[in-house]
Amino acid sequence: MVKSLEHSSEREEGSAILELALVLPLLLLLLAGAVDLGRAYFAAIEVQSAAQAGALYGSQYPTDTAGMVNAAMQNAQDITSILQTPSATYGCECYDGTPIACGATSDSCPNTGNLVYYVTVTTAANYKPLLPWPGIPSSIVLTGKATMRAAY
């Protein structure tokens, strides 16, 4: 009986290595997917944060679109290699959302009499995953947009 137990343990010696060899590629693929997803999420947060930084600058200096673009670029230092040039605009509208020229007076707004100045900054980045994943494009455009009221 002792001899049969020794014989069965010899057969099971290599099974742990075989199991590891079969499971390890799957675990590495899962790890690569988690890293890729984390990188994409980080880039998406940076793109949105850059848009918000540009809009925050624009809320103080609404006609300085070059300054808004510069503020957005400065905020996205970690993703400058994939960040496209941001766009910045400013405009005016009545309190109820009716568009109006910025040189108008608040009396030009029907019913409300309130004129609102705003700035909008839009950012985009072209993210490329580390590995070609099935069902996911080889390049993903991440966008961010922020609109704030300007101080006048």
N, C-alpha and C. Protein backbone atom coordinates (compact mmCIF):
# COMPACT_ATOMS: atom_id res chain seq x y z
N MET A 1 0.81 -1.18 0.00
CA MET A 1 0.00 0.00 0.00
C MET A 1 0.86 1.25 0.00
N VAL A 2 1.93 1.23 0.69
CA VAL A 2 2.82 2.37 0.72
C VAL A 2 3.41 2.62 -0.66
N LYS A 3 3.68 1.57 -1.35
CA LYS A 3 4.26 1.69 -2.67
C LYS A 3 3.31 2.38 -3.64
N SER A 4 2.00 2.12 -3.56
CA SER A 4 1.04 2.74 -4.47
C SER A 4 0.88 4.23 -4.17
N LEU A 5 0.99 4.65 -2.90
CA LEU A 5 0.90 6.07 -2.55
C LEU A 5 2.11 6.83 -3.10
N GLU A 6 3.28 6.24 -3.03
CA GLU A 6 4.47 6.88 -3.58
C GLU A 6 4.36 7.03 -5.08
N HIS A 7 3.82 6.04 -5.71
CA HIS A 7 3.70 6.06 -7.16
C HIS A 7 2.71 7.15 -7.62
N SER A 8 1.61 7.34 -6.89
CA SER A 8 0.63 8.35 -7.28
C SER A 8 1.16 9.76 -7.04
N SER A 9 1.98 9.96 -6.02
CA SER A 9 2.53 11.30 -5.78
C SER A 9 3.54 11.67 -6.86
N GLU A 10 4.21 10.70 -7.43
CA GLU A 10 5.15 10.98 -8.52
C GLU A 10 4.40 11.45 -9.76
N ARG A 11 3.21 10.97 -10.00
CA ARG A 11 2.43 11.37 -11.16
C ARG A 11 1.90 12.80 -11.01
N GLU A 12 1.68 13.25 -9.80
CA GLU A 12 1.10 14.57 -9.57
C GLU A 12 2.15 15.67 -9.42
N GLU A 13 3.43 15.33 -9.44
CA GLU A 13 4.48 16.34 -9.25
C GLU A 13 4.43 17.45 -10.30
N GLY A 14 4.27 17.15 -11.54
CA GLY A 14 4.30 18.15 -12.60
C GLY A 14 2.96 18.81 -12.88
N SER A 15 1.91 18.41 -12.19
CA SER A 15 0.58 18.96 -12.49
C SER A 15 0.48 20.44 -12.11
N ALA A 16 1.13 20.85 -11.05
CA ALA A 16 1.07 22.27 -10.65
C ALA A 16 1.73 23.15 -11.69
N ILE A 17 2.83 22.72 -12.23
CA ILE A 17 3.53 23.49 -13.27
C ILE A 17 2.69 23.53 -14.54
N LEU A 18 2.06 22.44 -14.86
CA LEU A 18 1.20 22.39 -16.04
C LEU A 18 0.00 23.32 -15.87
N GLU A 19 -0.61 23.32 -14.70
CA GLU A 19 -1.75 24.21 -14.44
C GLU A 19 -1.32 25.67 -14.53
N LEU A 20 -0.17 25.99 -13.98
CA LEU A 20 0.36 27.36 -14.06
C LEU A 20 0.61 27.76 -15.51
N ALA A 21 1.16 26.86 -16.28
CA ALA A 21 1.44 27.15 -17.69
C ALA A 21 0.15 27.38 -18.48
N LEU A 22 -0.91 26.73 -18.10
CA LEU A 22 -2.19 26.92 -18.78
C LEU A 22 -2.91 28.20 -18.35
N VAL A 23 -2.80 28.57 -17.09
CA VAL A 23 -3.54 29.71 -16.55
C VAL A 23 -2.76 31.03 -16.68
N LEU A 24 -1.45 30.98 -16.69
CA LEU A 24 -0.64 32.20 -16.71
C LEU A 24 -0.93 33.12 -17.91
N PRO A 25 -1.06 32.63 -19.13
CA PRO A 25 -1.39 33.54 -20.23
C PRO A 25 -2.71 34.28 -20.03
N LEU A 26 -3.70 33.59 -19.48
CA LEU A 26 -4.98 34.23 -19.22
C LEU A 26 -4.83 35.32 -18.15
N LEU A 27 -4.08 35.04 -17.12
CA LEU A 27 -3.85 36.04 -16.07
C LEU A 27 -3.08 37.25 -16.60
N LEU A 28 -2.10 37.01 -17.44
CA LEU A 28 -1.35 38.12 -18.03
C LEU A 28 -2.23 38.95 -18.97
N LEU A 29 -3.12 38.32 -19.69
CA LEU A 29 -4.05 39.05 -20.55
C LEU A 29 -5.00 39.91 -19.73
N LEU A 30 -5.48 39.38 -18.62
CA LEU A 30 -6.33 40.16 -17.72
C LEU A 30 -5.57 41.34 -17.14
N LEU A 31 -4.32 41.15 -16.78
CA LEU A 31 -3.49 42.23 -16.25
C LEU A 31 -3.27 43.31 -17.31
N ALA A 32 -2.99 42.90 -18.54
CA ALA A 32 -2.79 43.87 -19.62
C ALA A 32 -4.07 44.66 -19.88
N GLY A 33 -5.22 43.99 -19.81
CA GLY A 33 -6.50 44.68 -19.99
C GLY A 33 -6.75 45.70 -18.89
N ALA A 34 -6.42 45.36 -17.66
CA ALA A 34 -6.60 46.29 -16.55
C ALA A 34 -5.68 47.50 -16.70
N VAL A 35 -4.46 47.27 -17.12
CA VAL A 35 -3.52 48.38 -17.32
C VAL A 35 -4.00 49.28 -18.46
N ASP A 36 -4.47 48.69 -19.55
CA ASP A 36 -4.96 49.46 -20.69
C ASP A 36 -6.19 50.27 -20.31
N LEU A 37 -7.11 49.68 -19.58
CA LEU A 37 -8.30 50.38 -19.14
C LEU A 37 -7.93 51.53 -18.20
N GLY A 38 -6.98 51.31 -17.33
CA GLY A 38 -6.52 52.37 -16.42
C GLY A 38 -5.89 53.53 -17.17
N ARG A 39 -5.09 53.23 -18.18
CA ARG A 39 -4.48 54.30 -18.99
C ARG A 39 -5.53 55.12 -19.72
N ALA A 40 -6.53 54.43 -20.28
CA ALA A 40 -7.61 55.14 -21.00
C ALA A 40 -8.41 56.01 -20.05
N TYR A 41 -8.70 55.51 -18.87
CA TYR A 41 -9.46 56.28 -17.88
C TYR A 41 -8.66 57.50 -17.42
N PHE A 42 -7.38 57.33 -17.20
CA PHE A 42 -6.51 58.45 -16.80
C PHE A 42 -6.51 59.52 -17.89
N ALA A 43 -6.37 59.11 -19.15
CA ALA A 43 -6.36 60.07 -20.26
C ALA A 43 -7.70 60.79 -20.37
N ALA A 44 -8.80 60.09 -20.16
CA ALA A 44 -10.12 60.72 -20.23
C ALA A 44 -10.29 61.77 -19.13
N ILE A 45 -9.80 61.47 -17.94
CA ILE A 45 -9.86 62.43 -16.83
C ILE A 45 -9.00 63.65 -17.15
N GLU A 46 -7.83 63.44 -17.70
CA GLU A 46 -6.94 64.55 -18.05
C GLU A 46 -7.55 65.45 -19.13
N VAL A 47 -8.20 64.86 -20.12
CA VAL A 47 -8.83 65.63 -21.19
C VAL A 47 -9.94 66.51 -20.62
N GLN A 48 -10.78 65.96 -19.77
CA GLN A 48 -11.86 66.74 -19.17
C GLN A 48 -11.31 67.81 -18.23
N SER A 49 -10.30 67.47 -17.48
CA SER A 49 -9.68 68.43 -16.56
C SER A 49 -9.05 69.59 -17.31
N ALA A 50 -8.45 69.33 -18.46
CA ALA A 50 -7.86 70.39 -19.27
C ALA A 50 -8.93 71.35 -19.77
N ALA A 51 -10.07 70.82 -20.19
CA ALA A 51 -11.17 71.67 -20.63
C ALA A 51 -11.67 72.55 -19.49
N GLN A 52 -11.77 71.98 -18.31
CA GLN A 52 -12.24 72.75 -17.15
C GLN A 52 -11.24 73.83 -16.76
N ALA A 53 -9.95 73.54 -16.86
CA ALA A 53 -8.93 74.54 -16.53
C ALA A 53 -8.98 75.70 -17.52
N GLY A 54 -9.16 75.40 -18.81
CA GLY A 54 -9.28 76.46 -19.81
C GLY A 54 -10.51 77.31 -19.58
N ALA A 55 -11.63 76.68 -19.23
CA ALA A 55 -12.86 77.43 -18.97
C ALA A 55 -12.74 78.26 -17.70
N LEU A 56 -12.04 77.75 -16.71
CA LEU A 56 -11.84 78.51 -15.48
C LEU A 56 -11.04 79.78 -15.76
N TYR A 57 -9.99 79.66 -16.56
CA TYR A 57 -9.22 80.84 -16.97
C TYR A 57 -10.13 81.79 -17.75
N GLY A 58 -10.92 81.25 -18.65
CA GLY A 58 -11.80 82.07 -19.47
C GLY A 58 -12.89 82.76 -18.68
N SER A 59 -13.27 82.22 -17.54
CA SER A 59 -14.29 82.88 -16.73
C SER A 59 -13.78 84.21 -16.19
N GLN A 60 -12.47 84.36 -16.06
CA GLN A 60 -11.88 85.62 -15.61
C GLN A 60 -11.47 86.52 -16.77
N TYR A 61 -11.08 85.93 -17.89
CA TYR A 61 -10.65 86.67 -19.08
C TYR A 61 -11.40 86.12 -20.29
N PRO A 62 -12.67 86.48 -20.45
CA PRO A 62 -13.51 85.81 -21.45
C PRO A 62 -13.13 86.05 -22.90
N THR A 63 -12.46 87.13 -23.22
CA THR A 63 -12.12 87.37 -24.63
C THR A 63 -10.75 86.83 -24.99
N ASP A 64 -10.01 86.32 -24.05
CA ASP A 64 -8.65 85.81 -24.29
C ASP A 64 -8.71 84.32 -24.64
N THR A 65 -9.10 84.02 -25.87
CA THR A 65 -9.21 82.61 -26.27
C THR A 65 -7.85 81.93 -26.33
N ALA A 66 -6.81 82.68 -26.69
CA ALA A 66 -5.46 82.09 -26.71
C ALA A 66 -5.03 81.71 -25.29
N GLY A 67 -5.39 82.50 -24.32
CA GLY A 67 -5.08 82.19 -22.92
C GLY A 67 -5.84 80.96 -22.44
N MET A 68 -7.08 80.81 -22.89
CA MET A 68 -7.86 79.63 -22.50
C MET A 68 -7.22 78.37 -23.07
N VAL A 69 -6.80 78.44 -24.34
CA VAL A 69 -6.14 77.30 -24.98
C VAL A 69 -4.84 76.98 -24.25
N ASN A 70 -4.08 78.01 -23.91
CA ASN A 70 -2.81 77.81 -23.20
C ASN A 70 -3.05 77.19 -21.82
N ALA A 71 -4.08 77.66 -21.11
CA ALA A 71 -4.38 77.09 -19.79
C ALA A 71 -4.77 75.62 -19.91
N ALA A 72 -5.51 75.29 -20.94
CA ALA A 72 -5.90 73.88 -21.14
C ALA A 72 -4.67 73.03 -21.46
N MET A 73 -3.79 73.54 -22.31
CA MET A 73 -2.58 72.78 -22.65
C MET A 73 -1.67 72.61 -21.43
N GLN A 74 -1.54 73.65 -20.61
CA GLN A 74 -0.69 73.57 -19.42
C GLN A 74 -1.24 72.55 -18.41
N ASN A 75 -2.56 72.42 -18.37
CA ASN A 75 -3.16 71.49 -17.42
C ASN A 75 -3.00 70.04 -17.85
N ALA A 76 -2.79 69.82 -19.14
CA ALA A 76 -2.69 68.45 -19.66
C ALA A 76 -1.25 68.06 -19.96
N GLN A 77 -0.34 68.40 -19.08
CA GLN A 77 1.08 68.12 -19.28
C GLN A 77 1.37 66.63 -19.44
N ASP A 78 0.59 65.78 -18.79
CA ASP A 78 0.86 64.33 -18.82
C ASP A 78 0.44 63.66 -20.12
N ILE A 79 -0.41 64.32 -20.90
CA ILE A 79 -0.89 63.69 -22.14
C ILE A 79 -0.65 64.57 -23.36
N THR A 80 0.38 65.39 -23.33
CA THR A 80 0.63 66.30 -24.45
C THR A 80 0.90 65.55 -25.75
N SER A 81 1.39 64.33 -25.67
CA SER A 81 1.69 63.59 -26.89
C SER A 81 0.42 63.17 -27.64
N ILE A 82 -0.70 63.02 -26.95
CA ILE A 82 -1.93 62.59 -27.62
C ILE A 82 -2.98 63.70 -27.66
N LEU A 83 -2.76 64.83 -26.98
CA LEU A 83 -3.74 65.91 -26.92
C LEU A 83 -3.75 66.70 -28.22
N GLN A 84 -4.92 66.90 -28.76
CA GLN A 84 -5.08 67.77 -29.93
C GLN A 84 -5.24 69.20 -29.43
N THR A 85 -5.04 70.18 -30.31
CA THR A 85 -5.14 71.58 -29.90
C THR A 85 -6.57 71.90 -29.46
N PRO A 86 -6.73 72.40 -28.23
CA PRO A 86 -8.07 72.73 -27.74
C PRO A 86 -8.68 73.91 -28.51
N SER A 87 -9.99 74.04 -28.45
CA SER A 87 -10.66 75.19 -29.03
C SER A 87 -11.39 75.93 -27.91
N ALA A 88 -11.44 77.25 -28.03
CA ALA A 88 -12.07 78.08 -27.01
C ALA A 88 -12.94 79.13 -27.68
N THR A 89 -14.12 79.34 -27.15
CA THR A 89 -15.04 80.36 -27.66
C THR A 89 -15.66 81.10 -26.49
N TYR A 90 -16.18 82.27 -26.78
CA TYR A 90 -16.93 83.01 -25.77
C TYR A 90 -18.15 83.60 -26.45
N GLY A 91 -19.15 83.90 -25.68
CA GLY A 91 -20.38 84.44 -26.25
C GLY A 91 -21.29 84.97 -25.17
N CYS A 92 -22.46 85.39 -25.62
CA CYS A 92 -23.46 85.95 -24.71
C CYS A 92 -24.81 85.35 -25.02
N GLU A 93 -25.66 85.34 -24.02
CA GLU A 93 -27.03 84.89 -24.19
C GLU A 93 -27.88 85.51 -23.11
N CYS A 94 -29.16 85.54 -23.36
CA CYS A 94 -30.07 85.99 -22.32
C CYS A 94 -30.17 84.91 -21.25
N TYR A 95 -30.68 85.27 -20.11
CA TYR A 95 -30.77 84.34 -19.01
C TYR A 95 -31.59 83.10 -19.37
N ASP A 96 -32.56 83.25 -20.27
CA ASP A 96 -33.41 82.12 -20.66
C ASP A 96 -32.79 81.26 -21.76
N GLY A 97 -31.57 81.60 -22.23
CA GLY A 97 -30.88 80.81 -23.23
C GLY A 97 -30.97 81.35 -24.64
N THR A 98 -31.65 82.47 -24.85
CA THR A 98 -31.76 83.07 -26.17
C THR A 98 -30.42 83.69 -26.54
N PRO A 99 -29.84 83.33 -27.69
CA PRO A 99 -28.56 83.92 -28.10
C PRO A 99 -28.71 85.42 -28.38
N ILE A 100 -27.67 86.16 -28.06
CA ILE A 100 -27.68 87.61 -28.27
C ILE A 100 -26.26 88.07 -28.50
N ALA A 101 -26.08 89.14 -29.21
CA ALA A 101 -24.74 89.69 -29.46
C ALA A 101 -24.14 90.20 -28.16
N CYS A 102 -22.83 90.06 -28.02
CA CYS A 102 -22.18 90.44 -26.78
C CYS A 102 -22.15 91.95 -26.54
N GLY A 103 -22.30 92.74 -27.56
CA GLY A 103 -22.31 94.19 -27.37
C GLY A 103 -23.65 94.73 -26.92
N ALA A 104 -24.66 93.87 -26.85
CA ALA A 104 -26.01 94.31 -26.50
C ALA A 104 -26.11 94.64 -25.02
N THR A 105 -27.13 95.37 -24.69
CA THR A 105 -27.38 95.68 -23.28
C THR A 105 -28.34 94.65 -22.72
N SER A 106 -28.45 94.64 -21.42
CA SER A 106 -29.36 93.67 -20.78
C SER A 106 -30.82 93.99 -21.09
N ASP A 107 -31.10 95.21 -21.53
CA ASP A 107 -32.47 95.57 -21.91
C ASP A 107 -32.90 94.84 -23.18
N SER A 108 -31.95 94.31 -23.95
CA SER A 108 -32.26 93.61 -25.19
C SER A 108 -32.83 92.22 -24.94
N CYS A 109 -32.71 91.72 -23.75
CA CYS A 109 -33.23 90.39 -23.43
C CYS A 109 -34.71 90.49 -23.08
N PRO A 110 -35.56 89.81 -23.84
CA PRO A 110 -36.99 89.88 -23.56
C PRO A 110 -37.33 89.16 -22.25
N ASN A 111 -38.23 89.68 -21.54
CA ASN A 111 -38.79 89.10 -20.30
C ASN A 111 -37.83 89.09 -19.11
N THR A 112 -36.57 88.73 -19.30
CA THR A 112 -35.70 88.55 -18.14
C THR A 112 -34.85 89.77 -17.85
N GLY A 113 -34.32 90.40 -18.89
CA GLY A 113 -33.45 91.56 -18.69
C GLY A 113 -32.06 91.19 -18.20
N ASN A 114 -31.74 89.89 -18.11
CA ASN A 114 -30.42 89.46 -17.63
C ASN A 114 -29.58 88.96 -18.79
N LEU A 115 -28.38 89.50 -18.91
CA LEU A 115 -27.44 89.10 -19.95
C LEU A 115 -26.36 88.23 -19.31
N VAL A 116 -26.06 87.07 -19.91
CA VAL A 116 -25.09 86.13 -19.37
C VAL A 116 -23.94 85.99 -20.35
N TYR A 117 -22.72 86.17 -19.86
CA TYR A 117 -21.51 85.94 -20.66
C TYR A 117 -20.99 84.56 -20.30
N TYR A 118 -20.51 83.83 -21.30
CA TYR A 118 -20.02 82.48 -21.04
C TYR A 118 -18.82 82.18 -21.92
N VAL A 119 -18.06 81.19 -21.51
CA VAL A 119 -16.93 80.68 -22.29
C VAL A 119 -17.08 79.16 -22.40
N THR A 120 -16.61 78.62 -23.51
CA THR A 120 -16.64 77.17 -23.73
C THR A 120 -15.28 76.72 -24.24
N VAL A 121 -14.73 75.71 -23.61
CA VAL A 121 -13.45 75.13 -24.04
C VAL A 121 -13.69 73.65 -24.35
N THR A 122 -13.24 73.23 -25.53
CA THR A 122 -13.38 71.84 -25.96
C THR A 122 -12.00 71.25 -26.18
N THR A 123 -11.75 70.08 -25.61
CA THR A 123 -10.47 69.39 -25.77
C THR A 123 -10.71 67.99 -26.34
N ALA A 124 -9.70 67.44 -26.96
CA ALA A 124 -9.79 66.08 -27.51
C ALA A 124 -8.40 65.45 -27.50
N ALA A 125 -8.37 64.15 -27.37
CA ALA A 125 -7.11 63.39 -27.41
C ALA A 125 -7.37 62.09 -28.17
N ASN A 126 -6.35 61.63 -28.85
CA ASN A 126 -6.44 60.40 -29.64
C ASN A 126 -5.72 59.29 -28.87
N TYR A 127 -6.47 58.43 -28.19
CA TYR A 127 -5.90 57.36 -27.37
C TYR A 127 -5.77 56.08 -28.19
N LYS A 128 -4.61 55.45 -28.10
CA LYS A 128 -4.38 54.17 -28.77
C LYS A 128 -4.11 53.11 -27.70
N PRO A 129 -4.92 52.04 -27.66
CA PRO A 129 -4.69 50.97 -26.67
C PRO A 129 -3.35 50.28 -26.88
N LEU A 130 -2.84 49.67 -25.82
CA LEU A 130 -1.56 48.96 -25.89
C LEU A 130 -1.66 47.73 -26.79
N LEU A 131 -2.75 47.00 -26.68
CA LEU A 131 -2.96 45.77 -27.45
C LEU A 131 -4.21 45.91 -28.31
N PRO A 132 -4.26 45.22 -29.43
CA PRO A 132 -5.49 45.23 -30.23
C PRO A 132 -6.55 44.34 -29.58
N TRP A 133 -7.56 44.93 -29.00
CA TRP A 133 -8.61 44.19 -28.32
C TRP A 133 -9.77 43.96 -29.28
N PRO A 134 -10.34 42.77 -29.29
CA PRO A 134 -11.47 42.52 -30.18
C PRO A 134 -12.66 43.39 -29.81
N GLY A 135 -13.25 44.02 -30.81
CA GLY A 135 -14.42 44.87 -30.58
C GLY A 135 -14.09 46.29 -30.19
N ILE A 136 -12.82 46.61 -29.99
CA ILE A 136 -12.41 47.97 -29.62
C ILE A 136 -11.58 48.53 -30.76
N PRO A 137 -11.89 49.77 -31.22
CA PRO A 137 -11.13 50.34 -32.33
C PRO A 137 -9.66 50.55 -31.97
N SER A 138 -8.82 50.62 -32.99
CA SER A 138 -7.38 50.80 -32.74
C SER A 138 -7.05 52.20 -32.25
N SER A 139 -7.97 53.13 -32.39
CA SER A 139 -7.77 54.49 -31.92
C SER A 139 -9.10 55.02 -31.39
N ILE A 140 -9.07 55.62 -30.21
CA ILE A 140 -10.28 56.13 -29.57
C ILE A 140 -10.11 57.63 -29.33
N VAL A 141 -11.07 58.42 -29.74
CA VAL A 141 -11.02 59.87 -29.51
C VAL A 141 -11.74 60.16 -28.20
N LEU A 142 -11.00 60.73 -27.26
CA LEU A 142 -11.55 61.13 -25.97
C LEU A 142 -11.80 62.64 -26.02
N THR A 143 -12.98 63.08 -25.62
CA THR A 143 -13.30 64.51 -25.68
C THR A 143 -13.70 65.04 -24.32
N GLY A 144 -13.44 66.32 -24.14
CA GLY A 144 -13.85 67.02 -22.94
C GLY A 144 -14.40 68.38 -23.31
N LYS A 145 -15.42 68.81 -22.59
CA LYS A 145 -16.03 70.11 -22.88
C LYS A 145 -16.44 70.74 -21.57
N ALA A 146 -16.14 72.01 -21.42
CA ALA A 146 -16.52 72.74 -20.21
C ALA A 146 -17.04 74.12 -20.59
N THR A 147 -18.15 74.50 -20.00
CA THR A 147 -18.75 75.81 -20.22
C THR A 147 -18.93 76.46 -18.87
N MET A 148 -18.50 77.73 -18.77
CA MET A 148 -18.65 78.47 -17.51
C MET A 148 -19.13 79.87 -17.79
N ARG A 149 -19.81 80.41 -16.82
CA ARG A 149 -20.20 81.82 -16.91
C ARG A 149 -18.99 82.68 -16.69
N ALA A 150 -18.90 83.75 -17.45
CA ALA A 150 -17.77 84.66 -17.33
C ALA A 150 -18.09 85.80 -16.41
N ALA A 151 -17.08 86.28 -15.73
CA ALA A 151 -17.25 87.43 -14.82
C ALA A 151 -17.09 88.72 -15.61
N TYR A 152 -18.16 89.49 -15.70
CA TYR A 152 -18.11 90.79 -16.36
C TYR A 152 -18.54 91.84 -15.42
